[in-house]
């Protein structure tokens, strides 16, 4: 079994917060891939289903962000999972809005949810870092992450969540490259280079046909006398 953990804070008050993009991601996966209903368990909410050949459990910790490790630990203990079976989806201040990166292991970079999980379980789990951008000053971070996405964010946010959902089968299978490709098809779709190049290139005109040469009268080789006689015939 694979465990995909979306990080966020429980309750309607926080549902639209930037800090809750991890919850939004696993909600989208559950809806798009026909997972069972969310149910209360393991100090959070879980939904069961399949992604490709993998049996998958989705988890939204209900312990609030700073204690996320408690919920993850409860699931891992019950199902006897290894850290290599766990992927955590979370908000990332150090990535531009709409960007996505996948990472295996590493530090928590000040993220309280990752800090809690790593402190209780170790750092060897995978992370899907979902960019929300940075407010510009560290003193503004708490206010920024605990406020809802702006209306102007909705287009890129929907593209990002759709891409994560469409790549989820590859994520569960451990194929990070295919997962990232699926996300990129939504967040940075390729342009038709052939059509763009054709539109930008100057249009070639068909080869001009050579101008017809002016007709030249046959040279008159008659003698003056013959010309005079011909006039009176």
Protein backbone atom coordinates (compact mmCIF):
# COMPACT_ATOMS: atom_id res chain seq x y z
CA UNK A 1 0.00 0.00 0.00
CA UNK A 2 1.08 3.57 -0.74
CA UNK A 3 0.22 6.50 1.52
CA UNK A 4 -0.35 9.95 0.02
CA UNK A 5 -0.58 12.63 2.70
CA UNK A 6 -2.01 16.07 1.98
CA UNK A 7 -1.04 18.69 4.55
CA UNK A 8 -3.38 21.39 5.82
CA UNK A 9 -5.50 22.46 8.75
CA UNK A 10 -8.93 20.91 9.45
CA UNK A 11 -12.19 22.86 9.44
CA UNK A 12 -14.12 25.15 7.11
CA UNK A 13 -12.26 28.21 8.42
CA UNK A 14 -9.04 27.02 6.78
CA UNK A 15 -10.40 25.18 3.75
CA UNK A 16 -9.43 27.83 1.18
CA UNK A 17 -6.10 28.80 2.75
CA UNK A 18 -2.84 28.64 0.82
CA UNK A 19 -1.52 26.40 3.61
CA UNK A 20 -4.23 23.87 2.68
CA UNK A 21 -3.18 23.20 -0.90
CA UNK A 22 -2.09 19.71 0.20
CA UNK A 23 -5.65 18.95 1.32
CA UNK A 24 -6.93 20.33 -1.99
CA UNK A 25 -4.58 18.06 -3.95
CA UNK A 26 -5.64 14.81 -2.28
CA UNK A 27 -9.31 15.86 -2.47
CA UNK A 28 -8.87 16.25 -6.23
CA UNK A 29 -7.16 12.87 -6.56
CA UNK A 30 -9.95 11.18 -4.58
CA UNK A 31 -12.68 12.77 -6.72
CA UNK A 32 -11.02 12.13 -10.08
CA UNK A 33 -9.97 8.53 -9.43
CA UNK A 34 -13.12 7.16 -7.80
CA UNK A 35 -11.82 6.70 -4.25
CA UNK A 36 -14.18 5.68 -1.50
CA UNK A 37 -15.75 8.30 0.77
CA UNK A 38 -13.63 10.16 3.27
CA UNK A 39 -13.97 8.71 6.77
CA UNK A 40 -12.59 9.66 10.16
CA UNK A 41 -9.60 7.53 11.20
CA UNK A 42 -6.00 7.80 12.40
CA UNK A 43 -6.47 11.27 13.88
CA UNK A 44 -7.58 12.58 10.51
CA UNK A 45 -9.58 11.62 7.44
CA UNK A 46 -8.75 8.84 5.00
CA UNK A 47 -10.03 7.64 1.63
CA UNK A 48 -9.11 4.33 0.00
CA UNK A 49 -8.76 3.50 -3.67
CA UNK A 50 -6.39 2.47 -6.43
CA UNK A 51 -4.02 4.38 -8.65
CA UNK A 52 -3.03 2.07 -11.49
CA UNK A 53 -1.73 -1.15 -9.98
CA UNK A 54 -1.21 0.38 -6.54
CA UNK A 55 -3.58 0.28 -3.61
CA UNK A 56 -3.49 3.76 -2.11
CA UNK A 57 -4.61 5.42 1.10
CA UNK A 58 -5.12 9.19 1.04
CA UNK A 59 -4.71 10.99 4.35
CA UNK A 60 -5.65 14.46 5.59
CA UNK A 61 -4.29 14.82 9.14
CA UNK A 62 -6.81 16.32 11.53
CA UNK A 63 -4.26 17.31 14.16
CA UNK A 64 -3.53 20.76 12.73
CA UNK A 65 -0.35 21.38 10.78
CA UNK A 66 2.12 21.45 13.66
CA UNK A 67 1.17 17.92 14.77
CA UNK A 68 0.78 16.26 11.36
CA UNK A 69 3.31 13.58 12.29
CA UNK A 70 0.91 12.04 14.83
CA UNK A 71 -1.64 11.18 12.16
CA UNK A 72 0.96 9.92 9.67
CA UNK A 73 2.59 7.77 12.33
CA UNK A 74 -0.75 6.20 13.27
CA UNK A 75 -1.37 5.10 9.66
CA UNK A 76 2.17 3.79 9.18
CA UNK A 77 2.05 1.78 12.38
CA UNK A 78 -1.33 0.21 11.55
CA UNK A 79 -0.41 -0.77 7.98
CA UNK A 80 3.27 -1.45 8.76
CA UNK A 81 4.41 0.98 6.08
CA UNK A 82 7.97 2.09 5.41
CA UNK A 83 8.92 5.72 4.82
CA UNK A 84 9.55 4.81 1.18
CA UNK A 85 5.79 4.13 0.89
CA UNK A 86 4.91 7.68 1.96
CA UNK A 87 4.53 10.81 -0.17
CA UNK A 88 3.59 14.15 1.38
CA UNK A 89 1.94 16.91 -0.69
CA UNK A 90 2.43 20.38 0.79
CA UNK A 91 2.55 24.10 0.11
CA UNK A 92 5.94 25.54 -0.84
CA UNK A 93 6.79 29.21 -0.30
CA UNK A 94 10.06 28.94 -2.23
CA UNK A 95 8.36 28.01 -5.50
CA UNK A 96 6.47 30.43 -7.71
CA UNK A 97 2.68 30.02 -7.76
CA UNK A 98 1.67 27.06 -9.91
CA UNK A 99 5.10 25.44 -9.96
CA UNK A 100 5.57 21.87 -8.75
CA UNK A 101 8.64 19.89 -7.76
CA UNK A 102 9.11 16.40 -6.37
CA UNK A 103 11.81 15.62 -3.84
CA UNK A 104 12.97 12.50 -2.00
CA UNK A 105 14.02 13.12 1.60
CA UNK A 106 15.74 16.26 2.83
CA UNK A 107 15.01 18.87 5.46
CA UNK A 108 11.78 20.63 6.33
CA UNK A 109 12.88 24.19 5.36
CA UNK A 110 10.82 25.62 8.19
CA UNK A 111 7.53 23.99 7.15
CA UNK A 112 5.81 22.99 10.39
CA UNK A 113 3.97 20.04 8.90
CA UNK A 114 7.16 18.53 7.51
CA UNK A 115 8.96 19.38 10.74
CA UNK A 116 6.43 17.32 12.71
CA UNK A 117 6.56 14.32 10.34
CA UNK A 118 10.35 14.31 10.10
CA UNK A 119 10.75 14.73 13.84
CA UNK A 120 8.60 11.67 14.56
CA UNK A 121 9.38 9.41 11.60
CA UNK A 122 12.56 10.55 9.86
CA UNK A 123 13.19 12.36 6.58
CA UNK A 124 13.16 9.51 4.05
CA UNK A 125 9.69 10.15 2.60
CA UNK A 126 8.92 11.78 -0.76
CA UNK A 127 7.53 15.29 -1.01
CA UNK A 128 5.46 16.97 -3.70
CA UNK A 129 6.16 20.68 -3.31
CA UNK A 130 3.27 22.81 -4.56
CA UNK A 131 4.31 26.40 -5.19
CA UNK A 132 2.27 29.19 -3.63
CA UNK A 133 4.86 31.97 -3.88
CA UNK A 134 6.33 34.09 -1.08
CA UNK A 135 4.84 37.29 0.36
CA UNK A 136 8.26 38.95 0.18
CA UNK A 137 9.09 39.25 3.88
CA UNK A 138 9.36 36.53 6.50
CA UNK A 139 7.22 38.50 8.95
CA UNK A 140 4.31 38.29 6.50
CA UNK A 141 4.49 34.51 5.99
CA UNK A 142 2.02 33.45 8.72
CA UNK A 143 -0.63 35.92 7.52
CA UNK A 144 -0.02 34.92 3.90
CA UNK A 145 -0.30 31.14 4.25
CA UNK A 146 -3.32 31.31 6.57
CA UNK A 147 -5.37 33.37 4.12
CA UNK A 148 -7.36 32.14 1.15
CA UNK A 149 -6.12 32.08 -2.39
CA UNK A 150 -7.11 35.21 -4.29
CA UNK A 151 -9.59 35.07 -7.18
CA UNK A 152 -6.69 35.81 -9.52
CA UNK A 153 -5.05 32.56 -8.38
CA UNK A 154 -7.90 30.28 -9.39
CA UNK A 155 -6.80 29.53 -12.95
CA UNK A 156 -3.26 28.44 -12.14
CA UNK A 157 -4.45 26.67 -8.99
CA UNK A 158 -6.96 24.59 -10.94
CA UNK A 159 -4.35 23.73 -13.58
CA UNK A 160 -1.89 22.64 -10.89
CA UNK A 161 -4.42 20.46 -9.04
CA UNK A 162 -5.60 18.87 -12.28
CA UNK A 163 -2.02 18.12 -13.26
CA UNK A 164 -1.26 16.52 -9.89
CA UNK A 165 -4.38 14.38 -10.17
CA UNK A 166 -3.63 13.32 -13.73
CA UNK A 167 -0.09 12.36 -12.74
CA UNK A 168 -1.13 10.59 -9.53
CA UNK A 169 -0.88 7.09 -11.06
CA UNK A 170 2.78 7.73 -11.85
CA UNK A 171 3.33 9.25 -8.41
CA UNK A 172 2.00 6.10 -6.71
CA UNK A 173 4.16 3.97 -8.98
CA UNK A 174 7.26 5.91 -7.97
CA UNK A 175 7.89 7.38 -11.42
CA UNK A 176 8.66 10.98 -10.60
CA UNK A 177 9.58 11.96 -14.15
CA UNK A 178 6.27 10.83 -15.64
CA UNK A 179 4.44 12.51 -12.78
CA UNK A 180 6.21 15.80 -13.47
CA UNK A 181 5.50 15.47 -17.19
CA UNK A 182 1.78 15.09 -16.46
CA UNK A 183 1.81 18.19 -14.24
CA UNK A 184 3.71 20.18 -16.86
CA UNK A 185 1.13 19.34 -19.53
CA UNK A 186 -1.38 21.28 -17.43
CA UNK A 187 0.76 24.04 -15.96
CA UNK A 188 3.00 24.70 -18.97
CA UNK A 189 1.38 23.08 -22.01
CA UNK A 190 3.65 22.87 -25.05
CA UNK A 191 2.99 25.31 -27.81
CA UNK A 192 2.71 24.10 -31.36
CA UNK A 193 6.18 25.14 -32.48
CA UNK A 194 5.48 24.19 -36.04
CA UNK A 195 2.40 26.40 -36.27
CA UNK A 196 4.09 29.21 -34.39
CA UNK A 197 7.14 29.07 -36.62
CA UNK A 198 5.01 28.99 -39.72
CA UNK A 199 3.03 32.02 -38.58
CA UNK A 200 6.17 33.97 -37.72
CA UNK A 201 8.11 33.11 -40.86
CA UNK A 202 7.72 35.39 -43.90
CA UNK A 203 5.46 33.83 -46.41
CA UNK A 204 7.30 32.69 -49.53
CA UNK A 205 5.80 33.91 -52.76
CA UNK A 206 5.50 31.45 -55.60
CA UNK A 207 8.22 31.74 -58.19
CA UNK A 208 7.27 34.49 -60.62
CA UNK A 209 6.92 33.36 -64.18
CA UNK A 210 9.41 35.08 -66.48
CA UNK A 211 7.87 37.99 -68.32
CA UNK A 212 7.12 37.08 -71.90
CA UNK A 213 9.54 38.54 -74.35
CA UNK A 214 8.04 41.06 -76.73
CA UNK A 215 7.25 39.60 -80.07
CA UNK A 216 9.80 40.52 -82.70
CA UNK A 217 8.58 40.91 -86.32
CA UNK A 218 10.32 38.77 -88.91
CA UNK A 219 13.09 40.75 -90.55
CA UNK A 220 12.05 42.15 -93.99
CA UNK A 221 14.70 41.11 -96.44
CA UNK A 222 12.99 42.51 -99.58
CA UNK A 223 14.83 45.00 -101.76
CA UNK A 224 13.42 48.54 -102.11
CA UNK A 225 12.33 47.75 -105.62
CA UNK A 226 10.54 44.57 -104.51
CA UNK A 227 8.74 46.48 -101.74
CA UNK A 228 7.57 49.08 -104.30
CA UNK A 229 6.29 46.41 -106.67
CA UNK A 230 4.50 44.58 -103.84
CA UNK A 231 2.54 47.73 -102.99
CA UNK A 232 0.94 47.79 -106.46
CA UNK A 233 -0.02 44.12 -106.66
